[in-house]
């Protein structure tokens, strides 16, 4: 499914491709100040807490650098800005890492796969209770994002395809307001918007969620590969700060969890509810097991095939293997001469071994 809205975000990437590549080469140098972009999401609130409470600063100072986490209101825009070279790193999903920076020619590395959505992304129908009732409806979602991917995966389960619905591109920042309009009858979105809509609208029925596709929507810290190569201290500091924050969450630190809840626009109970539908990797060893599993290459093959079918693997992509991806243990998928997305276990392994 393609629409005129594709030009909104994807052509911005295309227009800035040359500029982004230039920025990438400029970023390939040893430096001591870095910026990472992020947007509000349950699995990314720990980064905000770590920034605001000095945990990131503590780890950055250990390695003699400065790191700033910069909040961007619109999720896709945050990735576009990273792709154009404004940020050294960005929080994004596995699919968006493939279809925006990688497809835009910017070599990127997933350093931390902090969680995967296990119910945090879902499909809502207004006054309808079965997924099959979506046939013929217009579905509001962030087009060509993981929401679009989830919709396609869901439709398969009831013998439907994207030809049976119409997709309407909608910013994640506009979802809650859009649901309140009479014209919106179907939506695919993620938390906190998903839970807010369900809590405040009796006509909202959850008919499918990401717990039915476990491990496929992965939330990641992505760093420009050239920047990472010249500045491994950035990844070491961020990984150390992440797992220090994870330790607080694992033991149920109410002050930390309350801070994350309020910063994301909910209360403690609401945030804990969102965490219940998020597979967080609190321990480095658990994340290392996930990162090195065969499930990651298998998932990225599905994601690449979906992306090719939707024309978002880059200009002139001849097939789903156009963009190469590298995984731990020397595994690859796609063109080995065009590797633009890497899944690296180096820093998580250091954390698991206590070597940060």
Protein backbone atom coordinates (compact mmCIF):
# COMPACT_ATOMS: atom_id res chain seq x y z
CA UNK A 1 0.00 0.00 0.00
CA UNK A 2 1.40 3.35 -1.05
CA UNK A 3 -0.16 6.77 -0.81
CA UNK A 4 0.65 10.41 -1.40
CA UNK A 5 1.64 10.63 2.26
CA UNK A 6 4.74 8.60 1.53
CA UNK A 7 6.31 11.83 0.31
CA UNK A 8 5.97 13.42 3.75
CA UNK A 9 8.70 11.49 5.50
CA UNK A 10 10.34 9.30 2.89
CA UNK A 11 11.04 11.99 0.33
CA UNK A 12 12.55 14.10 3.07
CA UNK A 13 15.05 11.30 3.51
CA UNK A 14 15.62 11.09 -0.24
CA UNK A 15 16.05 14.85 -0.51
CA UNK A 16 18.62 14.83 2.24
CA UNK A 17 20.36 11.64 1.16
CA UNK A 18 23.44 13.35 -0.22
CA UNK A 19 23.49 15.74 2.72
CA UNK A 20 23.08 12.79 5.11
CA UNK A 21 25.95 10.91 3.54
CA UNK A 22 28.08 13.99 3.76
CA UNK A 23 27.15 14.42 7.41
CA UNK A 24 28.00 10.79 8.01
CA UNK A 25 31.52 11.25 6.70
CA UNK A 26 31.93 14.43 8.71
CA UNK A 27 30.84 12.57 11.84
CA UNK A 28 33.58 9.98 11.31
CA UNK A 29 36.04 11.51 13.72
CA UNK A 30 37.06 11.28 17.34
CA UNK A 31 34.95 13.72 19.36
CA UNK A 32 33.92 14.36 22.92
CA UNK A 33 30.36 15.67 22.60
CA UNK A 34 27.43 13.64 21.31
CA UNK A 35 23.68 13.97 20.86
CA UNK A 36 21.11 11.16 20.70
CA UNK A 37 17.49 11.80 19.70
CA UNK A 38 14.51 10.12 21.34
CA UNK A 39 10.72 10.25 21.52
CA UNK A 40 8.25 9.27 24.22
CA UNK A 41 7.61 5.53 24.43
CA UNK A 42 7.39 3.19 27.42
CA UNK A 43 10.62 1.37 26.55
CA UNK A 44 12.54 4.59 25.98
CA UNK A 45 11.56 6.48 29.13
CA UNK A 46 14.52 4.94 31.02
CA UNK A 47 16.81 7.00 28.77
CA UNK A 48 15.07 10.20 29.85
CA UNK A 49 15.34 9.17 33.51
CA UNK A 50 19.04 8.36 33.10
CA UNK A 51 19.61 11.77 31.51
CA UNK A 52 17.61 13.78 34.04
CA UNK A 53 19.00 11.99 37.10
CA UNK A 54 22.66 12.25 36.09
CA UNK A 55 23.23 8.57 35.32
CA UNK A 56 24.25 9.29 31.72
CA UNK A 57 26.47 12.17 32.86
CA UNK A 58 28.18 9.87 35.37
CA UNK A 59 29.00 7.27 32.74
CA UNK A 60 29.94 9.89 30.15
CA UNK A 61 32.43 11.44 32.58
CA UNK A 62 33.93 8.01 33.20
CA UNK A 63 34.87 7.93 29.53
CA UNK A 64 35.76 11.61 29.22
CA UNK A 65 32.86 12.60 26.98
CA UNK A 66 29.54 14.50 27.07
CA UNK A 67 26.21 12.99 25.96
CA UNK A 68 22.90 14.78 25.55
CA UNK A 69 19.60 12.97 25.00
CA UNK A 70 17.45 15.29 22.87
CA UNK A 71 13.69 14.79 22.83
CA UNK A 72 11.97 15.24 19.46
CA UNK A 73 8.18 15.43 19.47
CA UNK A 74 7.58 13.50 16.24
CA UNK A 75 9.00 9.99 16.03
CA UNK A 76 9.64 9.79 12.26
CA UNK A 77 11.11 13.28 12.30
CA UNK A 78 13.62 12.21 14.95
CA UNK A 79 14.86 9.43 12.64
CA UNK A 80 14.92 11.74 9.62
CA UNK A 81 17.09 14.18 11.55
CA UNK A 82 19.44 11.37 12.58
CA UNK A 83 19.64 10.19 8.97
CA UNK A 84 20.48 13.72 7.83
CA UNK A 85 23.39 13.78 10.28
CA UNK A 86 22.00 16.04 13.00
CA UNK A 87 22.35 13.35 15.70
CA UNK A 88 25.01 10.75 16.47
CA UNK A 89 22.39 8.23 17.54
CA UNK A 90 18.64 7.77 17.73
CA UNK A 91 16.08 5.52 19.41
CA UNK A 92 14.09 3.66 16.76
CA UNK A 93 12.58 0.30 15.88
CA UNK A 94 14.29 -2.40 13.86
CA UNK A 95 12.08 -1.79 10.83
CA UNK A 96 12.56 1.96 10.81
CA UNK A 97 16.32 1.51 11.16
CA UNK A 98 16.21 -0.51 7.94
CA UNK A 99 13.83 1.65 5.93
CA UNK A 100 15.04 5.14 6.82
CA UNK A 101 18.78 5.45 7.63
CA UNK A 102 19.87 2.17 6.03
CA UNK A 103 17.70 2.69 2.95
CA UNK A 104 19.00 6.26 2.85
CA UNK A 105 22.57 5.01 2.63
CA UNK A 106 23.55 5.79 6.22
CA UNK A 107 25.42 2.87 7.79
CA UNK A 108 23.96 2.36 11.27
CA UNK A 109 24.55 0.01 14.20
CA UNK A 110 22.03 -1.26 16.74
CA UNK A 111 23.99 -1.21 20.00
CA UNK A 112 21.19 -1.99 22.49
CA UNK A 113 17.94 -3.79 21.71
CA UNK A 114 16.40 -2.82 25.01
CA UNK A 115 13.00 -4.43 24.56
CA UNK A 116 10.46 -5.70 22.11
CA UNK A 117 6.80 -4.86 21.93
CA UNK A 118 4.70 -7.59 23.51
CA UNK A 119 1.34 -5.86 23.33
CA UNK A 120 2.46 -2.22 23.24
CA UNK A 121 1.41 -1.86 19.61
CA UNK A 122 -2.16 -2.60 18.68
CA UNK A 123 -5.09 -2.22 16.32
CA UNK A 124 -8.23 -0.46 17.51
CA UNK A 125 -11.70 -0.55 15.97
CA UNK A 126 -14.48 1.83 16.90
CA UNK A 127 -17.61 -0.02 18.07
CA UNK A 128 -16.46 -3.25 16.39
CA UNK A 129 -14.98 -6.21 18.26
CA UNK A 130 -13.51 -8.52 15.60
CA UNK A 131 -10.40 -7.90 13.52
CA UNK A 132 -12.23 -9.12 10.41
CA UNK A 133 -14.57 -6.12 10.80
CA UNK A 134 -11.70 -3.93 9.62
CA UNK A 135 -12.45 -4.87 6.00
CA UNK A 136 -13.33 -1.78 3.96
CA UNK A 137 -12.30 0.66 6.68
CA UNK A 138 -9.75 3.45 6.61
CA UNK A 139 -6.94 2.74 9.09
CA UNK A 140 -5.11 5.68 10.65
CA UNK A 141 -1.44 4.89 11.32
CA UNK A 142 2.10 6.14 10.85
CA UNK A 143 2.47 4.90 7.30
CA UNK A 144 5.41 2.63 6.46
CA UNK A 145 6.30 2.29 10.15
CA UNK A 146 6.04 -0.73 12.47
CA UNK A 147 2.33 0.08 12.81
CA UNK A 148 1.95 -0.55 9.09
CA UNK A 149 3.94 -3.78 9.44
CA UNK A 150 1.74 -4.91 12.35
CA UNK A 151 -1.39 -4.20 10.32
CA UNK A 152 -0.12 -6.34 7.45
CA UNK A 153 0.79 -9.19 9.82
CA UNK A 154 -2.64 -8.94 11.47
CA UNK A 155 -4.57 -8.98 8.21
CA UNK A 156 -2.83 -12.22 7.24
CA UNK A 157 -4.37 -13.93 10.28
CA UNK A 158 -7.94 -13.33 9.09
CA UNK A 159 -7.41 -13.97 5.39
CA UNK A 160 -7.31 -10.30 4.45
CA UNK A 161 -4.64 -8.14 2.82
CA UNK A 162 -3.91 -4.44 2.56
CA UNK A 163 -6.10 -4.31 -0.54
CA UNK A 164 -9.04 -4.82 1.82
CA UNK A 165 -8.41 -1.57 3.74
CA UNK A 166 -7.27 1.98 3.09
CA UNK A 167 -4.33 3.42 4.99
CA UNK A 168 -4.30 7.06 6.09
CA UNK A 169 -0.97 8.45 7.28
CA UNK A 170 -1.28 10.09 10.71
CA UNK A 171 1.45 11.42 12.99
CA UNK A 172 1.87 9.58 16.27
CA UNK A 173 1.44 12.94 18.02
CA UNK A 174 -2.06 13.29 16.50
CA UNK A 175 -3.48 9.84 17.24
CA UNK A 176 -5.36 10.60 20.45
CA UNK A 177 -7.11 13.64 19.00
CA UNK A 178 -7.87 11.82 15.75
CA UNK A 179 -9.70 9.03 17.56
CA UNK A 180 -12.13 11.58 18.96
CA UNK A 181 -13.33 12.55 15.49
CA UNK A 182 -16.28 10.77 13.90
CA UNK A 183 -14.41 9.96 10.69
CA UNK A 184 -11.78 7.80 12.42
CA UNK A 185 -13.02 4.22 12.88
CA UNK A 186 -9.81 2.15 12.79
CA UNK A 187 -6.30 2.82 14.01
CA UNK A 188 -2.95 1.13 14.53
CA UNK A 189 -0.75 2.83 17.10
CA UNK A 190 1.57 2.28 20.06
CA UNK A 191 1.76 3.23 23.73
CA UNK A 192 1.20 5.61 25.40
CA UNK A 193 -1.32 6.70 22.75
CA UNK A 194 -2.83 3.20 22.56
CA UNK A 195 -3.54 2.91 26.28
CA UNK A 196 -4.74 6.52 26.53
CA UNK A 197 -7.31 6.00 23.79
CA UNK A 198 -8.53 2.76 25.35
CA UNK A 199 -8.77 4.27 28.83
CA UNK A 200 -10.79 7.28 27.74
CA UNK A 201 -13.02 5.92 24.97
CA UNK A 202 -15.59 3.19 25.54
CA UNK A 203 -15.96 2.79 21.78
CA UNK A 204 -12.32 1.69 21.38
CA UNK A 205 -11.84 -2.07 21.07
CA UNK A 206 -8.42 -3.70 20.84
CA UNK A 207 -8.71 -6.39 18.17
CA UNK A 208 -5.03 -7.31 17.64
CA UNK A 209 -1.73 -6.49 19.32
CA UNK A 210 1.98 -7.21 19.07
CA UNK A 211 1.88 -10.01 21.65
CA UNK A 212 0.70 -12.11 18.70
CA UNK A 213 3.93 -11.30 16.83
CA UNK A 214 6.48 -11.52 19.68
CA UNK A 215 10.02 -10.33 19.07
CA UNK A 216 9.24 -8.68 15.74
CA UNK A 217 8.92 -5.03 16.81
CA UNK A 218 12.23 -4.29 18.54
CA UNK A 219 13.12 -0.98 20.20
CA UNK A 220 16.75 -0.08 19.71
CA UNK A 221 19.50 2.41 20.38
CA UNK A 222 21.07 3.03 16.98
CA UNK A 223 24.39 4.82 16.47
CA UNK A 224 25.99 5.97 13.22
CA UNK A 225 28.49 3.22 12.40
CA UNK A 226 31.35 5.54 11.48
CA UNK A 227 30.82 7.54 14.66
CA UNK A 228 30.77 4.32 16.68
CA UNK A 229 33.94 3.04 15.02
CA UNK A 230 35.85 6.20 15.95
CA UNK A 231 34.16 6.67 19.32
CA UNK A 232 33.49 3.35 21.07
CA UNK A 233 33.39 5.29 24.35
CA UNK A 234 29.96 6.58 23.35
CA UNK A 235 28.52 3.08 23.22
CA UNK A 236 30.29 2.03 26.42
CA UNK A 237 28.92 5.00 28.36
CA UNK A 238 25.38 4.59 27.04
CA UNK A 239 25.36 0.85 27.69
CA UNK A 240 26.60 1.36 31.23
CA UNK A 241 23.97 4.02 31.92
CA UNK A 242 21.23 1.83 30.42
CA UNK A 243 21.89 -1.19 32.59
CA UNK A 244 22.31 0.92 35.73
CA UNK A 245 18.81 2.22 35.03
CA UNK A 246 17.55 -1.29 34.25
CA UNK A 247 18.75 -2.43 37.68
CA UNK A 248 16.56 0.22 39.32
CA UNK A 249 13.56 -0.85 37.27
CA UNK A 250 14.10 -4.54 37.95
CA UNK A 251 13.95 -4.00 41.70
CA UNK A 252 10.79 -1.90 41.29
CA UNK A 253 12.23 1.48 42.33
CA UNK A 254 9.00 3.46 42.68
CA UNK A 255 10.66 6.86 42.47
CA UNK A 256 12.29 5.95 39.16
CA UNK A 257 9.16 4.35 37.74
CA UNK A 258 6.99 7.28 38.85
CA UNK A 259 9.37 9.71 37.15
CA UNK A 260 9.15 7.73 33.90
CA UNK A 261 5.38 7.51 34.17
CA UNK A 262 4.89 11.24 34.67
CA UNK A 263 7.38 12.14 31.96
CA UNK A 264 5.41 9.99 29.50
CA UNK A 265 2.08 11.52 30.48
CA UNK A 266 0.61 8.80 32.68
CA UNK A 267 0.64 7.68 36.30
CA UNK A 268 2.54 4.85 37.98
CA UNK A 269 -0.25 2.31 37.45
CA UNK A 270 -0.55 3.31 33.81
CA UNK A 271 3.18 3.00 33.21
CA UNK A 272 3.36 -0.37 34.94
CA UNK A 273 0.51 -1.52 32.71
CA UNK A 274 2.52 -0.51 29.64
CA UNK A 275 5.58 -2.31 31.01
CA UNK A 276 3.44 -5.44 31.33
CA UNK A 277 3.08 -5.43 27.54
CA UNK A 278 6.78 -4.77 26.96
CA UNK A 279 9.45 -7.47 27.00
CA UNK A 280 12.21 -5.52 28.75
CA UNK A 281 15.70 -7.02 29.00
CA UNK A 282 16.71 -5.93 32.49
CA UNK A 283 19.79 -8.16 32.65
CA UNK A 284 22.71 -7.88 30.19
CA UNK A 285 22.95 -11.67 29.95
CA UNK A 286 19.31 -11.95 28.87
CA UNK A 287 19.73 -9.26 26.23
CA UNK A 288 22.90 -10.92 25.00
CA UNK A 289 21.00 -14.17 24.49
CA UNK A 290 18.32 -12.35 22.48
CA UNK A 291 20.84 -10.32 20.47
CA UNK A 292 22.78 -13.41 19.39
CA UNK A 293 19.75 -15.59 18.68
CA UNK A 294 18.72 -16.84 15.25
CA UNK A 295 15.40 -15.05 15.75
CA UNK A 296 16.90 -11.65 14.88
CA UNK A 297 18.05 -12.54 11.33
CA UNK A 298 14.74 -14.38 10.73
CA UNK A 299 12.73 -11.35 11.86
CA UNK A 300 14.80 -8.95 9.77
CA UNK A 301 14.23 -11.14 6.71
CA UNK A 302 10.45 -10.74 7.21
CA UNK A 303 10.85 -7.00 7.77
CA UNK A 304 13.01 -6.64 4.67
CA UNK A 305 10.48 -8.51 2.54
CA UNK A 306 7.65 -6.32 3.83
CA UNK A 307 9.71 -3.20 3.18
CA UNK A 308 10.57 -4.25 -0.38
CA UNK A 309 6.91 -5.00 -1.11
CA UNK A 310 6.09 -1.46 0.00
CA UNK A 311 8.85 0.21 -1.98
CA UNK A 312 10.82 1.49 1.01
CA UNK A 313 14.16 -0.28 0.67
CA UNK A 314 15.68 2.61 -1.25
CA UNK A 315 15.67 3.85 -4.81
CA UNK A 316 16.06 1.07 -7.35
CA UNK A 317 16.06 -1.81 -4.87
CA UNK A 318 15.69 -4.92 -7.10
CA UNK A 319 14.70 -7.31 -4.33
CA UNK A 320 14.37 -7.78 -0.55
CA UNK A 321 18.09 -8.52 -0.26
CA UNK A 322 19.20 -5.15 -1.64
CA UNK A 323 20.34 -3.85 1.76
CA UNK A 324 22.82 -6.01 3.59
CA UNK A 325 22.54 -6.59 7.32
CA UNK A 326 25.17 -8.02 9.67
CA UNK A 327 24.47 -9.97 12.85
CA UNK A 328 26.61 -11.35 15.68
CA UNK A 329 28.59 -14.46 14.87
CA UNK A 330 29.30 -13.43 11.29
CA UNK A 331 25.73 -14.00 10.10
CA UNK A 332 24.41 -11.77 7.32
CA UNK A 333 21.29 -11.21 5.26
CA UNK A 334 21.13 -9.42 1.95
CA UNK A 335 23.93 -7.97 -0.15
CA UNK A 336 27.25 -8.37 1.72
CA UNK A 337 28.66 -5.53 -0.41
CA UNK A 338 25.93 -3.15 0.72
CA UNK A 339 25.73 -3.69 4.49
CA UNK A 340 24.03 -0.66 6.02
CA UNK A 341 22.51 -2.07 9.22
CA UNK A 342 24.47 -3.93 11.88
CA UNK A 343 23.36 -5.67 15.06
CA UNK A 344 26.31 -5.56 17.45
CA UNK A 345 26.64 -7.54 20.68
CA UNK A 346 30.02 -6.03 21.67
CA UNK A 347 28.84 -3.62 24.34
CA UNK A 348 26.06 -5.74 25.80
CA UNK A 349 28.61 -8.55 26.13
CA UNK A 350 30.95 -6.18 27.96
CA UNK A 351 28.11 -5.31 30.35
CA UNK A 352 27.32 -8.99 30.90
CA UNK A 353 30.98 -9.65 31.72
CA UNK A 354 31.30 -6.60 33.99
CA UNK A 355 33.89 -5.00 31.72
CA UNK A 356 32.37 -1.56 31.11
